[in-house]
Amino acid sequence: MSKENPHFDRDLDLSNANRGVWLVKLPKYIANRWQKASSDLEVGKLKITKAPGQKPQVSLTLSSATLSIHEEGQESIPKDHRLDVSTVTQQTLGVFSHVMPGSADSVVPEAEKLYMEGKIVQKLECRPYADNCYMKLKLESIRKAAVPNRQVQQLDRIVQTYKPVSDHKHNIEYMERKKAEGKKARDDRDAVMDMLFNAFEKHQYYNIKDLVKITRQPITYLKEILKDVCNYNLKNPHKNMWELKPEYRHYKQPEPEVKKDEEDSDEN
């Protein structure tokens, strides 16, 4: 079953692709107030001063309307700011806009439109001057950051947010598993050793989990027997695996091949 793709191909308007655009980084306290401002409100004035042989000086002065916008927990913000300018040369950055269609009841339905508004040619970082207003603002932000998010509260009544249980599910499962393992009957030692020897005839190395499954013996009892007849490898390539001691190894040796010329000479 194919999943419907919600994305569609759309035309991109590139009529303004060659237009130069500034990318301005604002302090958070300015951005918050501008987001609350109406679209027809003058939020500030930008001033560019050009002196011969020097870089242009860019400054921003916030309007009284911006300064009067109420921001919770914040009384006043700096009015004057400077903008540090840097030219974008090593990156290609663009600005795009997305225009959503109007009312669906219109006679001619409008389609979504994508525009490239321009290419970023300069980055500007808006910085306040270190005056008393900014210092008070910075001090207040440090004070708020130092307040812990969680605080101790004294309760005048019992707050029961969960139903108490005598034991948790994972603890019960663990104890049942331990009891089942402890109830495994210990077979005769010789019978366990026979099972081990038969297993090691098939493979030279085993880990403890596989040996427990093969012998179906309690792990503590099985380890006691393994220490007598096996060696525990502590180094690679068979680290943490058990192997029979040399005196208990009886691996089948491959039969030697008889050369053809020797067979012929015996017949003659």
C-alpha atoms as a PDB file:
ATOM      1  CA  MET A   1       0.000   0.000   0.000  1.00  0.00           C
ATOM      2  CA  SER A   2       1.551   3.279  -1.053  1.00  0.00           C
ATOM      3  CA  LYS A   3       1.502   6.181   1.415  1.00  0.00           C
ATOM      4  CA  GLU A   4       0.231   9.460  -0.030  1.00  0.00           C
ATOM      5  CA  ASN A   5       2.961  12.078  -0.200  1.00  0.00           C
ATOM      6  CA  PRO A   6       1.730  15.400   1.271  1.00  0.00           C
ATOM      7  CA  HIS A   7       4.409  17.411  -0.585  1.00  0.00           C
ATOM      8  CA  PHE A   8       3.823  18.689  -4.096  1.00  0.00           C
ATOM      9  CA  ASP A   9       6.012  20.324  -6.720  1.00  0.00           C
ATOM     10  CA  ARG A  10       5.525  24.086  -6.807  1.00  0.00           C
ATOM     11  CA  ASP A  11       6.905  26.845  -9.048  1.00  0.00           C
ATOM     12  CA  LEU A  12       9.483  29.151  -7.478  1.00  0.00           C
ATOM     13  CA  ASP A  13       9.379  32.819  -8.460  1.00  0.00           C
ATOM     14  CA  LEU A  14      12.998  33.949  -9.058  1.00  0.00           C
ATOM     15  CA  SER A  15      12.300  37.488 -10.213  1.00  0.00           C
ATOM     16  CA  ASN A  16      14.087  38.904  -7.113  1.00  0.00           C
ATOM     17  CA  ALA A  17      16.870  36.309  -6.972  1.00  0.00           C
ATOM     18  CA  ASN A  18      19.613  38.891  -7.607  1.00  0.00           C
ATOM     19  CA  ARG A  19      18.405  41.343  -4.958  1.00  0.00           C
ATOM     20  CA  GLY A  20      20.769  41.880  -2.032  1.00  0.00           C
ATOM     21  CA  VAL A  21      19.307  41.225   1.432  1.00  0.00           C
ATOM     22  CA  TRP A  22      20.622  41.869   4.951  1.00  0.00           C
ATOM     23  CA  LEU A  23      20.449  39.156   7.606  1.00  0.00           C
ATOM     24  CA  VAL A  24      20.046  40.845  10.998  1.00  0.00           C
ATOM     25  CA  LYS A  25      20.437  39.059  14.344  1.00  0.00           C
ATOM     26  CA  LEU A  26      18.381  40.765  17.062  1.00  0.00           C
ATOM     27  CA  PRO A  27      18.465  40.460  20.848  1.00  0.00           C
ATOM     28  CA  LYS A  28      15.646  38.350  22.205  1.00  0.00           C
ATOM     29  CA  TYR A  29      14.035  41.239  24.079  1.00  0.00           C
ATOM     30  CA  ILE A  30      13.635  43.206  20.816  1.00  0.00           C
ATOM     31  CA  ALA A  31      12.343  40.213  18.845  1.00  0.00           C
ATOM     32  CA  ASN A  32       9.710  39.465  21.503  1.00  0.00           C
ATOM     33  CA  ARG A  33       8.345  43.027  21.370  1.00  0.00           C
ATOM     34  CA  TRP A  34       8.362  43.208  17.594  1.00  0.00           C
ATOM     35  CA  GLN A  35       6.370  39.975  17.411  1.00  0.00           C
ATOM     36  CA  LYS A  36       3.656  41.619  19.524  1.00  0.00           C
ATOM     37  CA  ALA A  37       3.641  44.797  17.434  1.00  0.00           C
ATOM     38  CA  SER A  38       0.962  45.317  14.782  1.00  0.00           C
ATOM     39  CA  SER A  39       1.925  45.317  11.102  1.00  0.00           C
ATOM     40  CA  ASP A  40       1.283  49.080  10.660  1.00  0.00           C
ATOM     41  CA  LEU A  41       3.356  50.122  13.680  1.00  0.00           C
ATOM     42  CA  GLU A  42       6.702  51.897  13.288  1.00  0.00           C
ATOM     43  CA  VAL A  43       9.095  49.816  15.412  1.00  0.00           C
ATOM     44  CA  GLY A  44      12.314  51.792  14.914  1.00  0.00           C
ATOM     45  CA  LYS A  45      14.593  53.790  12.659  1.00  0.00           C
ATOM     46  CA  LEU A  46      17.762  52.599  10.952  1.00  0.00           C
ATOM     47  CA  LYS A  47      20.563  55.109  10.408  1.00  0.00           C
ATOM     48  CA  ILE A  48      23.532  54.501   8.087  1.00  0.00           C
ATOM     49  CA  THR A  49      26.496  56.869   8.374  1.00  0.00           C
ATOM     50  CA  LYS A  50      29.129  56.765   5.640  1.00  0.00           C
ATOM     51  CA  ALA A  51      32.531  58.384   6.130  1.00  0.00           C
ATOM     52  CA  PRO A  52      35.198  58.500   3.400  1.00  0.00           C
ATOM     53  CA  GLY A  53      37.687  55.628   3.767  1.00  0.00           C
ATOM     54  CA  GLN A  54      35.764  53.953   6.586  1.00  0.00           C
ATOM     55  CA  LYS A  55      33.163  51.231   6.874  1.00  0.00           C
ATOM     56  CA  PRO A  56      29.576  52.437   7.044  1.00  0.00           C
ATOM     57  CA  GLN A  57      28.266  52.792  10.623  1.00  0.00           C
ATOM     58  CA  VAL A  58      24.785  51.351  11.121  1.00  0.00           C
ATOM     59  CA  SER A  59      22.641  52.155  14.181  1.00  0.00           C
ATOM     60  CA  LEU A  60      19.095  51.289  15.266  1.00  0.00           C
ATOM     61  CA  THR A  61      16.864  53.462  17.427  1.00  0.00           C
ATOM     62  CA  LEU A  62      13.712  51.805  18.740  1.00  0.00           C
ATOM     63  CA  SER A  63      10.493  53.773  18.491  1.00  0.00           C
ATOM     64  CA  SER A  64       8.516  54.851  21.538  1.00  0.00           C
ATOM     65  CA  ALA A  65       5.763  52.470  20.406  1.00  0.00           C
ATOM     66  CA  THR A  66       8.163  49.518  20.676  1.00  0.00           C
ATOM     67  CA  LEU A  67       9.397  50.637  24.085  1.00  0.00           C
ATOM     68  CA  SER A  68       5.821  50.930  25.343  1.00  0.00           C
ATOM     69  CA  ILE A  69       4.875  47.357  24.385  1.00  0.00           C
ATOM     70  CA  HIS A  70       4.400  45.458  27.637  1.00  0.00           C
ATOM     71  CA  GLU A  71       6.660  42.448  28.143  1.00  0.00           C
ATOM     72  CA  GLU A  72       5.873  40.391  31.233  1.00  0.00           C
ATOM     73  CA  GLY A  73       8.573  40.628  33.897  1.00  0.00           C
ATOM     74  CA  GLN A  74      10.491  43.303  31.978  1.00  0.00           C
ATOM     75  CA  GLU A  75      10.227  47.026  32.663  1.00  0.00           C
ATOM     76  CA  SER A  76      12.480  48.827  30.161  1.00  0.00           C
ATOM     77  CA  ILE A  77      14.889  47.926  27.383  1.00  0.00           C
ATOM     78  CA  PRO A  78      17.699  49.922  25.719  1.00  0.00           C
ATOM     79  CA  LYS A  79      16.599  52.321  23.023  1.00  0.00           C
ATOM     80  CA  ASP A  80      19.822  52.739  20.997  1.00  0.00           C
ATOM     81  CA  HIS A  81      21.783  49.927  19.389  1.00  0.00           C
ATOM     82  CA  ARG A  82      24.652  49.512  16.974  1.00  0.00           C
ATOM     83  CA  LEU A  83      24.793  46.933  14.189  1.00  0.00           C
ATOM     84  CA  ASP A  84      28.094  45.172  13.497  1.00  0.00           C
ATOM     85  CA  VAL A  85      28.353  44.463   9.778  1.00  0.00           C
ATOM     86  CA  SER A  86      30.112  41.492   8.164  1.00  0.00           C
ATOM     87  CA  THR A  87      30.112  40.624   4.460  1.00  0.00           C
ATOM     88  CA  VAL A  88      28.989  37.145   3.367  1.00  0.00           C
ATOM     89  CA  THR A  89      31.570  35.710   0.972  1.00  0.00           C
ATOM     90  CA  GLN A  90      32.045  32.025   1.839  1.00  0.00           C
ATOM     91  CA  GLN A  91      28.353  31.060   1.890  1.00  0.00           C
ATOM     92  CA  THR A  92      25.372  31.256  -0.435  1.00  0.00           C
ATOM     93  CA  LEU A  93      22.286  32.131   1.596  1.00  0.00           C
ATOM     94  CA  GLY A  94      18.858  33.085   0.351  1.00  0.00           C
ATOM     95  CA  VAL A  95      15.562  34.368   1.722  1.00  0.00           C
ATOM     96  CA  PHE A  96      12.307  32.706   0.672  1.00  0.00           C
ATOM     97  CA  SER A  97       8.650  33.526   1.314  1.00  0.00           C
ATOM     98  CA  HIS A  98       5.620  31.267   1.257  1.00  0.00           C
ATOM     99  CA  VAL A  99       2.240  32.778   0.381  1.00  0.00           C
ATOM    100  CA  MET A 100      -0.753  30.665   1.363  1.00  0.00           C
ATOM    101  CA  PRO A 101      -3.953  30.737  -0.748  1.00  0.00           C
ATOM    102  CA  GLY A 102      -6.828  32.951   0.291  1.00  0.00           C
ATOM    103  CA  SER A 103     -10.392  31.911   1.080  1.00  0.00           C
ATOM    104  CA  ALA A 104     -11.612  28.705  -0.508  1.00  0.00           C
ATOM    105  CA  ASP A 105     -14.932  30.406  -1.328  1.00  0.00           C
ATOM    106  CA  SER A 106     -13.333  32.746  -3.889  1.00  0.00           C
ATOM    107  CA  VAL A 107     -14.417  32.437  -7.507  1.00  0.00           C
ATOM    108  CA  VAL A 108     -10.880  31.804  -8.754  1.00  0.00           C
ATOM    109  CA  PRO A 109      -9.000  29.650  -6.201  1.00  0.00           C
ATOM    110  CA  GLU A 110      -5.482  30.844  -5.522  1.00  0.00           C
ATOM    111  CA  ALA A 111      -2.551  28.438  -5.410  1.00  0.00           C
ATOM    112  CA  GLU A 112       0.293  28.445  -2.922  1.00  0.00           C
ATOM    113  CA  LYS A 113       3.194  30.589  -4.089  1.00  0.00           C
ATOM    114  CA  LEU A 114       6.899  30.433  -3.314  1.00  0.00           C
ATOM    115  CA  TYR A 115       9.167  33.423  -3.843  1.00  0.00           C
ATOM    116  CA  MET A 116      12.900  33.951  -3.567  1.00  0.00           C
ATOM    117  CA  GLU A 117      13.128  37.379  -1.992  1.00  0.00           C
ATOM    118  CA  GLY A 118      16.860  37.792  -2.497  1.00  0.00           C
ATOM    119  CA  LYS A 119      20.390  36.668  -1.721  1.00  0.00           C
ATOM    120  CA  ILE A 120      21.987  37.529   1.618  1.00  0.00           C
ATOM    121  CA  VAL A 121      24.986  39.768   1.062  1.00  0.00           C
ATOM    122  CA  GLN A 122      25.628  41.060   4.589  1.00  0.00           C
ATOM    123  CA  LYS A 123      25.130  39.844   8.149  1.00  0.00           C
ATOM    124  CA  LEU A 124      24.414  42.357  10.883  1.00  0.00           C
ATOM    125  CA  GLU A 125      24.409  41.708  14.611  1.00  0.00           C
ATOM    126  CA  CYS A 126      22.414  44.151  16.684  1.00  0.00           C
ATOM    127  CA  ARG A 127      24.187  44.994  19.963  1.00  0.00           C
ATOM    128  CA  PRO A 128      23.068  47.380  22.734  1.00  0.00           C
ATOM    129  CA  TYR A 129      25.338  49.992  24.231  1.00  0.00           C
ATOM    130  CA  ALA A 130      26.557  49.185  27.752  1.00  0.00           C
ATOM    131  CA  ASP A 131      24.522  51.867  29.522  1.00  0.00           C
ATOM    132  CA  ASN A 132      22.678  51.666  32.841  1.00  0.00           C
ATOM    133  CA  CYS A 133      19.479  50.439  31.219  1.00  0.00           C
ATOM    134  CA  TYR A 134      21.232  47.483  29.591  1.00  0.00           C
ATOM    135  CA  MET A 135      23.136  46.649  32.788  1.00  0.00           C
ATOM    136  CA  LYS A 136      19.858  46.488  34.740  1.00  0.00           C
ATOM    137  CA  LEU A 137      18.354  44.292  32.029  1.00  0.00           C
ATOM    138  CA  LYS A 138      21.358  41.938  32.102  1.00  0.00           C
ATOM    139  CA  LEU A 139      21.303  41.772  35.901  1.00  0.00           C
ATOM    140  CA  GLU A 140      17.640  40.855  35.873  1.00  0.00           C
ATOM    141  CA  SER A 141      18.185  38.069  33.326  1.00  0.00           C
ATOM    142  CA  ILE A 142      21.016  36.633  35.455  1.00  0.00           C
ATOM    143  CA  ARG A 143      18.789  36.742  38.533  1.00  0.00           C
ATOM    144  CA  LYS A 144      15.985  34.901  36.738  1.00  0.00           C
ATOM    145  CA  ALA A 145      18.402  32.256  35.408  1.00  0.00           C
ATOM    146  CA  ALA A 146      19.615  31.602  38.962  1.00  0.00           C
ATOM    147  CA  VAL A 147      16.100  30.816  40.235  1.00  0.00           C
ATOM    148  CA  PRO A 148      15.651  27.009  40.287  1.00  0.00           C
ATOM    149  CA  ASN A 149      12.798  25.619  38.214  1.00  0.00           C
ATOM    150  CA  ARG A 150      11.838  23.212  40.984  1.00  0.00           C
ATOM    151  CA  GLN A 151      11.240  24.369  44.520  1.00  0.00           C
ATOM    152  CA  VAL A 152      10.231  22.650  47.745  1.00  0.00           C
ATOM    153  CA  GLN A 153       6.618  23.210  48.742  1.00  0.00           C
ATOM    154  CA  GLN A 154       5.041  22.338  52.064  1.00  0.00           C
ATOM    155  CA  LEU A 155       1.775  20.418  51.640  1.00  0.00           C
ATOM    156  CA  ASP A 156      -1.061  20.635  54.146  1.00  0.00           C
ATOM    157  CA  ARG A 157      -2.683  17.379  53.002  1.00  0.00           C
ATOM    158  CA  ILE A 158      -1.692  14.019  51.543  1.00  0.00           C
ATOM    159  CA  VAL A 159      -1.389  14.019  47.759  1.00  0.00           C
ATOM    160  CA  GLN A 160      -1.780  10.511  46.374  1.00  0.00           C
ATOM    161  CA  THR A 161      -0.987  10.462  42.675  1.00  0.00           C
ATOM    162  CA  TYR A 162      -0.469   6.711  42.308  1.00  0.00           C
ATOM    163  CA  LYS A 163      -1.931   3.502  43.653  1.00  0.00           C
ATOM    164  CA  PRO A 164       0.503   1.754  45.984  1.00  0.00           C
ATOM    165  CA  VAL A 165       1.409  -1.869  45.248  1.00  0.00           C
ATOM    166  CA  SER A 166       3.016  -4.455  47.457  1.00  0.00           C
ATOM    167  CA  ASP A 167       5.612  -5.261  44.820  1.00  0.00           C
ATOM    168  CA  HIS A 168       6.431  -4.216  41.279  1.00  0.00           C
ATOM    169  CA  LYS A 169       5.930  -6.446  38.262  1.00  0.00           C
ATOM    170  CA  HIS A 170       9.606  -6.665  37.267  1.00  0.00           C
ATOM    171  CA  ASN A 171      10.564  -7.665  40.824  1.00  0.00           C
ATOM    172  CA  ILE A 172       7.937 -10.436  40.855  1.00  0.00           C
ATOM    173  CA  GLU A 173       9.131 -11.774  37.473  1.00  0.00           C
ATOM    174  CA  TYR A 174      12.737 -11.735  38.664  1.00  0.00           C
ATOM    175  CA  MET A 175      11.948 -13.678  41.855  1.00  0.00           C
ATOM    176  CA  GLU A 176       9.880 -16.253  39.964  1.00  0.00           C
ATOM    177  CA  ARG A 177      12.737 -16.745  37.521  1.00  0.00           C
ATOM    178  CA  LYS A 178      15.197 -17.189  40.385  1.00  0.00           C
ATOM    179  CA  LYS A 179      12.920 -19.702  42.113  1.00  0.00           C
ATOM    180  CA  ALA A 180      12.481 -21.711  38.896  1.00  0.00           C
ATOM    181  CA  GLU A 181      16.233 -21.786  38.408  1.00  0.00           C
ATOM    182  CA  GLY A 182      16.799 -22.871  42.004  1.00  0.00           C
ATOM    183  CA  LYS A 183      14.324 -25.730  41.624  1.00  0.00           C
ATOM    184  CA  LYS A 184      16.339 -27.347  38.855  1.00  0.00           C
ATOM    185  CA  ALA A 185      17.263 -30.806  40.039  1.00  0.00           C
ATOM    186  CA  ARG A 186      20.960 -31.504  40.294  1.00  0.00           C
ATOM    187  CA  ASP A 187      21.823 -34.564  38.213  1.00  0.00           C
ATOM    188  CA  ASP A 188      24.549 -36.959  39.134  1.00  0.00           C
ATOM    189  CA  ARG A 189      28.005 -35.452  38.638  1.00  0.00           C
ATOM    190  CA  ASP A 190      29.092 -38.203  36.251  1.00  0.00           C
ATOM    191  CA  ALA A 191      25.938 -37.756  34.172  1.00  0.00           C
ATOM    192  CA  VAL A 192      26.610 -34.021  33.882  1.00  0.00           C
ATOM    193  CA  MET A 193      30.212 -34.660  32.855  1.00  0.00           C
ATOM    194  CA  ASP A 194      29.005 -37.087  30.150  1.00  0.00           C
ATOM    195  CA  MET A 195      26.711 -34.380  28.780  1.00  0.00           C
ATOM    196  CA  LEU A 196      29.598 -31.937  28.788  1.00  0.00           C
ATOM    197  CA  PHE A 197      31.963 -34.343  27.012  1.00  0.00           C
ATOM    198  CA  ASN A 198      29.319 -35.084  24.376  1.00  0.00           C
ATOM    199  CA  ALA A 199      28.821 -31.356  23.815  1.00  0.00           C
ATOM    200  CA  PHE A 200      32.556 -30.651  23.504  1.00  0.00           C
ATOM    201  CA  GLU A 201      32.861 -33.398  20.886  1.00  0.00           C
ATOM    202  CA  LYS A 202      30.706 -31.203  18.636  1.00  0.00           C
ATOM    203  CA  HIS A 203      32.307 -27.837  19.425  1.00  0.00           C
ATOM    204  CA  GLN A 204      35.534 -26.860  21.112  1.00  0.00           C
ATOM    205  CA  TYR A 205      34.287 -23.659  22.836  1.00  0.00           C
ATOM    206  CA  TYR A 206      31.052 -22.828  24.687  1.00  0.00           C
ATOM    207  CA  ASN A 207      29.777 -19.942  26.769  1.00  0.00           C
ATOM    208  CA  ILE A 208      28.084 -20.595  30.104  1.00  0.00           C
ATOM    209  CA  LYS A 209      24.575 -19.824  28.847  1.00  0.00           C
ATOM    210  CA  ASP A 210      24.751 -22.498  26.168  1.00  0.00           C
ATOM    211  CA  LEU A 211      26.088 -25.048  28.628  1.00  0.00           C
ATOM    212  CA  VAL A 212      23.226 -24.309  31.047  1.00  0.00           C
ATOM    213  CA  LYS A 213      20.737 -24.956  28.239  1.00  0.00           C
ATOM    214  CA  ILE A 214      22.461 -28.194  27.242  1.00  0.00           C
ATOM    215  CA  THR A 215      22.809 -29.667  30.727  1.00  0.00           C
ATOM    216  CA  ARG A 216      19.757 -28.016  32.364  1.00  0.00           C
ATOM    217  CA  GLN A 217      21.668 -27.673  35.615  1.00  0.00           C
ATOM    218  CA  PRO A 218      21.828 -24.805  38.140  1.00  0.00           C
ATOM    219  CA  ILE A 219      24.561 -22.425  37.062  1.00  0.00           C
ATOM    220  CA  THR A 220      26.449 -22.549  40.374  1.00  0.00           C
ATOM    221  CA  TYR A 221      26.536 -26.357  40.340  1.00  0.00           C
ATOM    222  CA  LEU A 222      27.556 -26.399  36.668  1.00  0.00           C
ATOM    223  CA  LYS A 223      30.445 -23.991  37.279  1.00  0.00           C
ATOM    224  CA  GLU A 224      31.799 -26.258  40.025  1.00  0.00           C
ATOM    225  CA  ILE A 225      32.049 -29.119  37.523  1.00  0.00           C
ATOM    226  CA  LEU A 226      33.409 -26.913  34.746  1.00  0.00           C
ATOM    227  CA  LYS A 227      36.280 -25.741  36.946  1.00  0.00           C
ATOM    228  CA  ASP A 228      37.394 -29.357  37.287  1.00  0.00           C
ATOM    229  CA  VAL A 229      37.311 -30.367  33.621  1.00  0.00           C
ATOM    230  CA  CYS A 230      37.524 -27.098  31.688  1.00  0.00           C
ATOM    231  CA  ASN A 231      39.606 -23.967  31.301  1.00  0.00           C
ATOM    232  CA  TYR A 232      38.042 -20.495  31.149  1.00  0.00           C
ATOM    233  CA  ASN A 233      39.524 -18.305  28.401  1.00  0.00           C
ATOM    234  CA  LEU A 234      40.321 -14.732  29.375  1.00  0.00           C
ATOM    235  CA  LYS A 235      41.913 -13.665  26.091  1.00  0.00           C
ATOM    236  CA  ASN A 236      40.721 -13.297  22.532  1.00  0.00           C
ATOM    237  CA  PRO A 237      39.727 -14.803  20.181  1.00  0.00           C
ATOM    238  CA  HIS A 238      37.682 -17.051  22.537  1.00  0.00           C
ATOM    239  CA  LYS A 239      37.318 -14.707  25.490  1.00  0.00           C
ATOM    240  CA  ASN A 240      34.720 -15.681  28.153  1.00  0.00           C
ATOM    241  CA  MET A 241      34.355 -19.185  26.677  1.00  0.00           C
ATOM    242  CA  TRP A 242      34.937 -22.601  28.263  1.00  0.00           C
ATOM    243  CA  GLU A 243      37.213 -25.270  26.754  1.00  0.00           C
ATOM    244  CA  LEU A 244      38.114 -28.772  27.920  1.00  0.00           C
ATOM    245  CA  LYS A 245      41.419 -29.146  29.712  1.00  0.00           C
ATOM    246  CA  PRO A 246      44.125 -30.810  27.595  1.00  0.00           C
ATOM    247  CA  GLU A 247      43.917 -34.106  29.515  1.00  0.00           C
ATOM    248  CA  TYR A 248      40.203 -34.450  28.653  1.00  0.00           C
ATOM    249  CA  ARG A 249      40.470 -33.601  24.973  1.00  0.00           C
ATOM    250  CA  HIS A 250      39.959 -36.509  22.607  1.00  0.00           C
ATOM    251  CA  TYR A 251      39.361 -34.882  19.254  1.00  0.00           C
ATOM    252  CA  LYS A 252      39.351 -37.135  16.208  1.00  0.00           C
ATOM    253  CA  GLN A 253      42.491 -36.797  14.113  1.00  0.00           C
ATOM    254  CA  PRO A 254      42.019 -36.616  10.334  1.00  0.00           C
ATOM    255  CA  GLU A 255      43.086 -39.829   8.564  1.00  0.00           C
ATOM    256  CA  PRO A 256      46.303 -39.427   6.521  1.00  0.00           C
ATOM    257  CA  GLU A 257      45.929 -39.509   2.783  1.00  0.00           C
ATOM    258  CA  VAL A 258      47.758 -42.265   0.930  1.00  0.00           C
ATOM    259  CA  LYS A 259      49.621 -41.119  -2.127  1.00  0.00           C
ATOM    260  CA  LYS A 260      48.807 -42.747  -5.436  1.00  0.00           C
ATOM    261  CA  ASP A 261      52.371 -43.806  -6.235  1.00  0.00           C
ATOM    262  CA  GLU A 262      52.705 -45.537  -2.860  1.00  0.00           C
ATOM    263  CA  GLU A 263      49.536 -47.558  -3.565  1.00  0.00           C
ATOM    264  CA  ASP A 264      50.872 -48.544  -6.969  1.00  0.00           C
ATOM    265  CA  SER A 265      54.206 -49.670  -5.510  1.00  0.00           C
ATOM    266  CA  ASP A 266      52.426 -51.822  -2.901  1.00  0.00           C
ATOM    267  CA  GLU A 267      50.441 -53.587  -5.610  1.00  0.00           C
ATOM    268  CA  ASN A 268      53.614 -54.394  -7.544  1.00  0.00           C
END
